[in-house]
Amino acid sequence: MTTFADDSDQRHAGSHQIRPADFRPTWWAAGPHAQSVLSSAQPRRWLIRRAAQDFRADSQEILIDCGAGVRLLAHFNAAQGKPNGRLAVIIHGWEGSSDSIYNLTTGPLLNRHGFDTLRLNLRDHGESHHLNEELFHSCRLEEVLGAFKWINRRFPERTVAIVGFSLGGNFALRVANKAREQGIALDQVVAICPVLDPSETMRALDQGPAIYEQYFIHKWRRSLARKRAAFPHIYHFNELASLKNLMHMTDHFVVNYTEYDDLQTYLQGYAITEGKIDNIDVRTTVLMADDDPVIPIEGLRNMHFPDAVELYRSPAGGHCGFLQGWRLQTWLDQFVLRQLAG
């Protein structure tokens, strides 16, 4: 477990708003790697997808016009039971999708408690590679802001909350930071294990257990293959697909396929450290795990949270894991529900 060495680190992270999370892992799955890996491993993945069959079948596919010719794919589910007039927009992590496992547990629970839900796919995620010619990268905030403007127009009678996981949590916080300036009506944000400093996350993946780096490389290569199939006259990715190190892949990608001149400039482009989310003025909850192997808790040293943000820290949980019980049920669903219903 990682702890901060002195009071100055705590103050910089907004210590007056830090709250302990009440998560208690099952003893045999308490380690960070067990929490992180088992959360999306078989047979848990199969069981959750089976349990969510009706939820997925009832989803309405929506194409969101984000402006400037950009379209994003989303899946909408109307509230079950008595609607509460709220819409929860759920944003997945990097190389996840609207059908990521945490979406398929959180979404149905929120529906059962009166929330409409909209699971938003970022560009080139899920089954959306054919919708936009240009490639996804993590600095594409403008189109996500455009998506929320469209959501406000499409659901004017709903108050809107965002639930974001990992990179989706990073996007959620950046949207909240820009909401007032952009005229976006936003009521609340819950960010689970959000990317804080992408440089530190890159180092953690590069230097940590190979399972995480290889997991993301595999999923990224699969995504690139889908993009190439959708636009074979534009993309080949021969050199990019042959690289075996995530940092080298990202560096090559940034220089050759984005508007950024170098890797560090790109990574700083979506960092939320050093006062970059100081304009958040809607009720916001951030949950971090001290043992997260993907998002180092040390990133909090460079964070300043405004008064609207409450930070919850858990000694355990891994990366978007937070599994409990012999059936490895996620504690996250109830945490999200408590925050949105509070």
Protein backbone atom coordinates (compact mmCIF):
# COMPACT_ATOMS: atom_id res chain seq x y z
CA MET A 1 0.00 0.00 0.00
CA THR A 2 1.30 3.44 -0.92
CA THR A 3 0.98 6.34 1.46
CA PHE A 4 2.12 9.92 1.21
CA ALA A 5 5.18 10.90 3.17
CA ASP A 6 4.16 14.27 4.53
CA ASP A 7 1.31 16.70 5.03
CA SER A 8 2.27 18.84 2.04
CA ASP A 9 1.48 15.99 -0.34
CA GLN A 10 -1.92 15.57 1.29
CA ARG A 11 -2.70 19.28 1.10
CA HIS A 12 -1.73 19.41 -2.56
CA ALA A 13 -4.17 16.59 -3.28
CA GLY A 14 -6.94 18.38 -1.43
CA SER A 15 -6.72 16.61 1.92
CA HIS A 16 -9.77 18.40 3.34
CA GLN A 17 -11.87 16.41 0.85
CA ILE A 18 -10.20 13.00 1.13
CA ARG A 19 -12.50 10.28 2.40
CA PRO A 20 -11.70 6.63 3.05
CA ALA A 21 -13.58 4.17 0.86
CA ASP A 22 -15.32 1.34 2.71
CA PHE A 23 -14.25 -1.36 0.23
CA ARG A 24 -13.01 -4.61 1.80
CA PRO A 25 -11.71 -7.21 -0.65
CA THR A 26 -12.13 -10.94 -0.27
CA TRP A 27 -8.89 -12.23 1.25
CA TRP A 28 -8.03 -14.62 -1.58
CA ALA A 29 -8.47 -11.89 -4.22
CA ALA A 30 -7.08 -8.97 -2.24
CA GLY A 31 -3.94 -8.32 -4.28
CA PRO A 32 -3.86 -5.56 -6.90
CA HIS A 33 -3.21 -7.94 -9.78
CA ALA A 34 -5.98 -10.32 -8.74
CA GLN A 35 -8.38 -7.38 -8.48
CA SER A 36 -7.34 -5.89 -11.81
CA VAL A 37 -7.12 -9.08 -13.87
CA LEU A 38 -10.07 -11.03 -12.46
CA SER A 39 -12.45 -8.11 -13.01
CA SER A 40 -12.55 -8.83 -16.76
CA ALA A 41 -11.36 -12.44 -16.91
CA GLN A 42 -13.33 -15.54 -17.76
CA PRO A 43 -15.61 -16.96 -16.40
CA ARG A 44 -16.66 -13.67 -14.76
CA ARG A 45 -16.89 -11.95 -18.14
CA TRP A 46 -19.12 -14.72 -19.53
CA LEU A 47 -21.40 -14.66 -16.49
CA ILE A 48 -21.86 -10.88 -16.58
CA ARG A 49 -22.53 -10.77 -20.31
CA ARG A 50 -25.08 -13.55 -19.86
CA ALA A 51 -26.77 -11.68 -17.00
CA ALA A 52 -26.86 -8.51 -19.12
CA GLN A 53 -28.48 -10.14 -22.18
CA ASP A 54 -31.84 -8.44 -21.69
CA PHE A 55 -30.17 -5.11 -20.91
CA ARG A 56 -28.19 -5.25 -24.14
CA ALA A 57 -31.20 -6.43 -26.14
CA ASP A 58 -33.24 -3.49 -24.86
CA SER A 59 -30.53 -0.96 -25.78
CA GLN A 60 -31.25 1.58 -28.47
CA GLU A 61 -28.31 2.33 -30.75
CA ILE A 62 -27.77 6.06 -31.19
CA LEU A 63 -25.44 8.01 -33.49
CA ILE A 64 -24.42 11.28 -31.86
CA ASP A 65 -23.60 14.26 -34.04
CA CYS A 66 -20.67 15.93 -32.29
CA GLY A 67 -20.20 18.68 -34.85
CA ALA A 68 -17.46 19.09 -37.49
CA GLY A 69 -18.66 15.88 -39.15
CA VAL A 70 -17.75 13.68 -36.18
CA ARG A 71 -20.14 10.94 -35.09
CA LEU A 72 -19.93 8.82 -31.95
CA LEU A 73 -21.84 5.63 -31.23
CA ALA A 74 -23.82 5.21 -28.02
CA HIS A 75 -26.34 2.80 -26.52
CA PHE A 76 -29.36 4.09 -24.61
CA ASN A 77 -31.49 2.24 -22.06
CA ALA A 78 -34.62 3.77 -20.57
CA ALA A 79 -35.11 3.56 -16.82
CA GLN A 80 -36.93 0.56 -15.43
CA GLY A 81 -39.60 1.09 -12.81
CA LYS A 82 -40.19 4.69 -11.77
CA PRO A 83 -37.94 7.13 -13.70
CA ASN A 84 -36.13 9.70 -11.57
CA GLY A 85 -35.56 12.21 -14.38
CA ARG A 86 -31.81 11.62 -14.52
CA LEU A 87 -29.57 10.39 -17.32
CA ALA A 88 -26.26 8.71 -16.48
CA VAL A 89 -23.73 8.83 -19.33
CA ILE A 90 -21.17 6.05 -18.84
CA ILE A 91 -17.75 6.36 -20.51
CA HIS A 92 -15.44 3.36 -20.80
CA GLY A 93 -11.64 3.24 -20.56
CA TRP A 94 -9.05 3.02 -23.33
CA GLU A 95 -9.80 0.14 -25.70
CA GLY A 96 -12.98 -0.61 -23.79
CA SER A 97 -16.47 -0.07 -25.19
CA SER A 98 -20.10 0.40 -24.29
CA ASP A 99 -20.09 -3.34 -23.56
CA SER A 100 -17.15 -3.27 -21.15
CA ILE A 101 -17.83 -5.43 -18.12
CA TYR A 102 -18.17 -2.51 -15.68
CA ASN A 103 -20.71 -0.93 -18.06
CA LEU A 104 -22.75 -4.12 -18.06
CA THR A 105 -22.96 -4.19 -14.26
CA THR A 106 -23.29 -0.47 -13.50
CA GLY A 107 -25.76 0.26 -16.33
CA PRO A 108 -28.43 -2.29 -15.35
CA LEU A 109 -28.21 -1.34 -11.67
CA LEU A 110 -28.73 2.35 -12.46
CA ASN A 111 -31.64 1.46 -14.77
CA ARG A 112 -33.31 -0.52 -12.00
CA HIS A 113 -33.03 2.55 -9.73
CA GLY A 114 -34.75 4.91 -12.15
CA PHE A 115 -31.86 6.26 -14.21
CA ASP A 116 -31.84 6.38 -17.97
CA THR A 117 -28.37 5.30 -19.10
CA LEU A 118 -26.37 6.13 -22.19
CA ARG A 119 -23.16 4.17 -22.74
CA LEU A 120 -20.94 6.36 -24.90
CA ASN A 121 -18.26 4.90 -27.16
CA LEU A 122 -15.25 7.09 -27.71
CA ARG A 123 -14.08 7.34 -31.33
CA ASP A 124 -12.75 4.01 -32.70
CA HIS A 125 -14.09 2.03 -29.74
CA GLY A 126 -16.72 -0.67 -29.84
CA GLU A 127 -18.21 -1.10 -33.31
CA SER A 128 -17.51 2.46 -34.42
CA HIS A 129 -14.25 2.39 -36.38
CA HIS A 130 -16.03 3.09 -39.66
CA LEU A 131 -17.78 6.27 -38.46
CA ASN A 132 -14.86 8.70 -38.62
CA GLU A 133 -11.89 8.72 -40.96
CA GLU A 134 -9.37 10.20 -38.55
CA LEU A 135 -7.99 8.14 -35.68
CA PHE A 136 -8.86 8.31 -32.00
CA HIS A 137 -6.42 9.80 -29.57
CA SER A 138 -6.88 10.82 -25.96
CA CYS A 139 -6.72 14.56 -26.59
CA ARG A 140 -9.94 14.56 -28.64
CA LEU A 141 -11.90 16.41 -25.98
CA GLU A 142 -13.78 18.71 -28.37
CA GLU A 143 -15.83 15.92 -29.89
CA VAL A 144 -16.77 14.56 -26.47
CA LEU A 145 -17.87 18.06 -25.45
CA GLY A 146 -19.87 18.12 -28.70
CA ALA A 147 -21.47 14.82 -27.72
CA PHE A 148 -22.66 16.30 -24.42
CA LYS A 149 -24.11 19.35 -26.17
CA TRP A 150 -26.05 16.93 -28.38
CA ILE A 151 -27.15 14.94 -25.31
CA ASN A 152 -28.46 18.13 -23.69
CA ARG A 153 -30.49 18.87 -26.83
CA ARG A 154 -31.75 15.29 -27.18
CA PHE A 155 -32.71 14.93 -23.51
CA PRO A 156 -33.63 18.46 -22.39
CA GLU A 157 -35.88 17.17 -19.61
CA ARG A 158 -33.10 15.07 -18.01
CA THR A 159 -30.42 16.13 -15.56
CA VAL A 160 -27.14 14.64 -16.77
CA ALA A 161 -24.48 12.83 -14.75
CA ILE A 162 -21.28 11.22 -16.01
CA VAL A 163 -19.77 7.97 -14.77
CA GLY A 164 -16.29 7.42 -16.19
CA PHE A 165 -13.82 4.57 -15.78
CA SER A 166 -10.04 4.96 -16.22
CA LEU A 167 -9.51 7.04 -19.39
CA GLY A 168 -13.28 7.58 -19.37
CA GLY A 169 -12.89 9.07 -15.90
CA ASN A 170 -10.21 11.39 -17.26
CA PHE A 171 -12.58 12.52 -20.04
CA ALA A 172 -15.39 12.94 -17.50
CA LEU A 173 -13.30 15.30 -15.38
CA ARG A 174 -12.17 17.30 -18.40
CA VAL A 175 -15.78 17.62 -19.58
CA ALA A 176 -16.79 18.82 -16.12
CA ASN A 177 -13.97 21.36 -16.18
CA LYS A 178 -15.24 22.81 -19.48
CA ALA A 179 -18.99 22.39 -18.93
CA ARG A 180 -19.87 25.90 -17.81
CA GLU A 181 -17.64 27.52 -20.43
CA GLN A 182 -19.19 25.34 -23.18
CA GLY A 183 -22.78 25.79 -22.03
CA ILE A 184 -23.17 22.12 -21.12
CA ALA A 185 -25.78 21.34 -18.47
CA LEU A 186 -24.10 18.84 -16.17
CA ASP A 187 -25.32 17.80 -12.73
CA GLN A 188 -22.73 15.37 -11.34
CA VAL A 189 -19.60 13.34 -12.13
CA VAL A 190 -18.23 10.09 -10.73
CA ALA A 191 -14.72 9.19 -11.94
CA ILE A 192 -13.38 5.71 -11.14
CA CYS A 193 -9.59 5.26 -11.24
CA PRO A 194 -9.19 8.17 -13.70
CA VAL A 195 -5.95 8.68 -15.60
CA LEU A 196 -4.20 11.56 -13.80
CA ASP A 197 -0.75 11.91 -15.33
CA PRO A 198 -0.48 9.88 -18.56
CA SER A 199 3.33 9.94 -18.36
CA GLU A 200 3.20 8.09 -15.04
CA THR A 201 0.64 5.64 -16.40
CA MET A 202 2.87 4.99 -19.41
CA ARG A 203 5.84 4.31 -17.14
CA ALA A 204 3.75 2.04 -14.91
CA LEU A 205 2.70 -0.03 -17.93
CA ASP A 206 6.21 -0.05 -19.40
CA GLN A 207 7.97 -1.03 -16.17
CA GLY A 208 5.28 -3.08 -14.41
CA PRO A 209 4.10 -6.66 -14.92
CA ALA A 210 4.04 -7.52 -18.62
CA ILE A 211 0.43 -8.72 -18.46
CA TYR A 212 -0.93 -5.16 -18.49
CA GLU A 213 1.24 -3.86 -21.31
CA GLN A 214 0.53 -6.92 -23.43
CA TYR A 215 -3.19 -6.65 -22.71
CA PHE A 216 -3.35 -3.10 -24.04
CA ILE A 217 -1.03 -3.82 -26.97
CA HIS A 218 -3.25 -6.74 -28.01
CA LYS A 219 -6.42 -4.65 -27.82
CA TRP A 220 -4.82 -1.68 -29.60
CA ARG A 221 -3.56 -3.88 -32.45
CA ARG A 222 -7.05 -5.34 -32.82
CA SER A 223 -8.48 -1.82 -32.96
CA LEU A 224 -5.94 -0.76 -35.58
CA ALA A 225 -6.85 -3.80 -37.69
CA ARG A 226 -10.51 -2.74 -37.60
CA LYS A 227 -9.59 0.80 -38.61
CA ARG A 228 -7.47 -0.49 -41.48
CA ALA A 229 -10.35 -2.69 -42.65
CA ALA A 230 -12.70 0.31 -42.57
CA PHE A 231 -10.28 2.61 -44.47
CA PRO A 232 -7.85 0.35 -46.39
CA HIS A 233 -6.99 3.14 -48.83
CA ILE A 234 -5.69 5.31 -45.97
CA TYR A 235 -4.25 3.14 -43.22
CA HIS A 236 -1.72 0.30 -43.21
CA PHE A 237 -0.02 0.58 -39.79
CA ASN A 238 2.75 -1.82 -40.85
CA GLU A 239 5.49 -0.28 -38.69
CA LEU A 240 3.16 0.53 -35.80
CA ALA A 241 1.74 -2.98 -35.62
CA SER A 242 5.24 -4.52 -35.53
CA LEU A 243 6.36 -2.62 -32.41
CA LYS A 244 6.20 -4.67 -29.21
CA ASN A 245 6.62 -1.95 -26.58
CA LEU A 246 3.67 0.28 -25.66
CA MET A 247 5.81 3.38 -25.20
CA HIS A 248 7.45 2.88 -28.61
CA MET A 249 4.07 2.22 -30.21
CA THR A 250 2.59 5.37 -28.69
CA ASP A 251 5.59 7.48 -29.67
CA HIS A 252 5.40 6.25 -33.27
CA PHE A 253 1.64 6.77 -33.31
CA VAL A 254 1.87 10.34 -31.98
CA VAL A 255 4.56 11.47 -34.42
CA ASN A 256 3.00 9.84 -37.49
CA TYR A 257 -0.75 9.96 -36.88
CA THR A 258 -1.53 12.98 -34.70
CA GLU A 259 -0.98 16.73 -34.77
CA TYR A 260 1.48 16.50 -31.87
CA ASP A 261 5.22 16.77 -32.48
CA ASP A 262 6.36 14.44 -29.72
CA LEU A 263 5.15 11.96 -27.15
CA GLN A 264 5.54 14.17 -24.07
CA THR A 265 3.54 17.04 -25.57
CA TYR A 266 0.75 14.60 -26.41
CA LEU A 267 0.71 13.04 -22.93
CA GLN A 268 0.57 16.46 -21.30
CA GLY A 269 -2.34 17.29 -23.58
CA TYR A 270 -4.72 15.11 -21.58
CA ALA A 271 -3.06 15.19 -18.16
CA ILE A 272 -5.31 16.62 -15.45
CA THR A 273 -2.51 17.54 -13.05
CA GLU A 274 -1.22 20.96 -11.98
CA GLY A 275 -4.53 22.81 -11.84
CA LYS A 276 -5.96 21.63 -15.14
CA ILE A 277 -9.36 20.82 -13.64
CA ASP A 278 -9.65 23.86 -11.35
CA ASN A 279 -12.86 25.01 -13.05
CA ILE A 280 -14.99 22.03 -11.99
CA ASP A 281 -18.01 23.42 -10.18
CA VAL A 282 -20.44 20.47 -10.29
CA ARG A 283 -20.60 17.81 -7.59
CA THR A 284 -17.80 15.39 -8.42
CA THR A 285 -16.51 12.19 -6.85
CA VAL A 286 -13.13 10.66 -7.64
CA LEU A 287 -12.28 7.14 -6.46
CA MET A 288 -8.66 5.96 -6.41
CA ALA A 289 -7.06 2.72 -5.20
CA ASP A 290 -3.66 2.99 -3.53
CA ASP A 291 -2.59 -0.30 -5.12
CA ASP A 292 -3.72 0.50 -8.68
CA PRO A 293 -1.01 -0.98 -10.97
CA VAL A 294 -2.07 1.19 -13.93
CA ILE A 295 -2.78 4.60 -12.35
CA PRO A 296 -0.03 5.23 -9.76
CA ILE A 297 -1.40 6.87 -6.62
CA GLU A 298 1.71 9.06 -6.56
CA GLY A 299 0.04 11.09 -9.28
CA LEU A 300 -2.03 12.73 -6.55
CA ARG A 301 1.07 14.70 -5.53
CA ASN A 302 0.61 16.83 -8.63
CA MET A 303 -3.15 17.16 -8.27
CA HIS A 304 -5.21 20.06 -7.05
CA PHE A 305 -8.92 19.34 -6.67
CA PRO A 306 -11.36 22.26 -6.45
CA ASP A 307 -13.92 22.40 -3.66
CA ALA A 308 -16.59 20.65 -5.74
CA VAL A 309 -14.50 17.45 -5.84
CA GLU A 310 -14.50 14.76 -3.17
CA LEU A 311 -11.66 12.26 -3.32
CA TYR A 312 -12.18 8.74 -2.00
CA ARG A 313 -9.12 6.56 -1.45
CA SER A 314 -9.11 2.83 -0.91
CA PRO A 315 -6.03 0.86 0.18
CA ALA A 316 -7.08 -1.93 -2.20
CA GLY A 317 -9.10 -2.38 -5.37
CA GLY A 318 -6.54 -2.53 -8.17
CA HIS A 319 -7.48 -0.90 -11.46
CA CYS A 320 -11.29 -0.71 -11.73
CA GLY A 321 -11.53 -3.98 -9.82
CA PHE A 322 -13.01 -3.64 -6.32
CA LEU A 323 -14.21 -7.25 -6.25
CA GLN A 324 -15.84 -8.85 -3.20
CA GLY A 325 -17.25 -12.24 -2.20
CA TRP A 326 -16.71 -15.70 -3.57
CA ARG A 327 -18.64 -14.73 -6.71
CA LEU A 328 -16.35 -11.71 -7.23
CA GLN A 329 -19.15 -9.19 -7.35
CA THR A 330 -18.06 -5.62 -7.84
CA TRP A 331 -18.38 -3.11 -5.03
CA LEU A 332 -18.17 -0.30 -7.60
CA ASP A 333 -21.82 -0.51 -8.69
CA GLN A 334 -23.17 0.26 -5.24
CA PHE A 335 -20.54 2.96 -4.73
CA VAL A 336 -21.59 4.69 -7.96
CA LEU A 337 -25.27 4.35 -7.04
CA ARG A 338 -24.67 5.84 -3.57
CA GLN A 339 -22.85 8.80 -5.06
CA LEU A 340 -25.53 9.52 -7.65
CA ALA A 341 -28.40 8.98 -5.23
CA GLY A 342 -26.80 10.96 -2.39
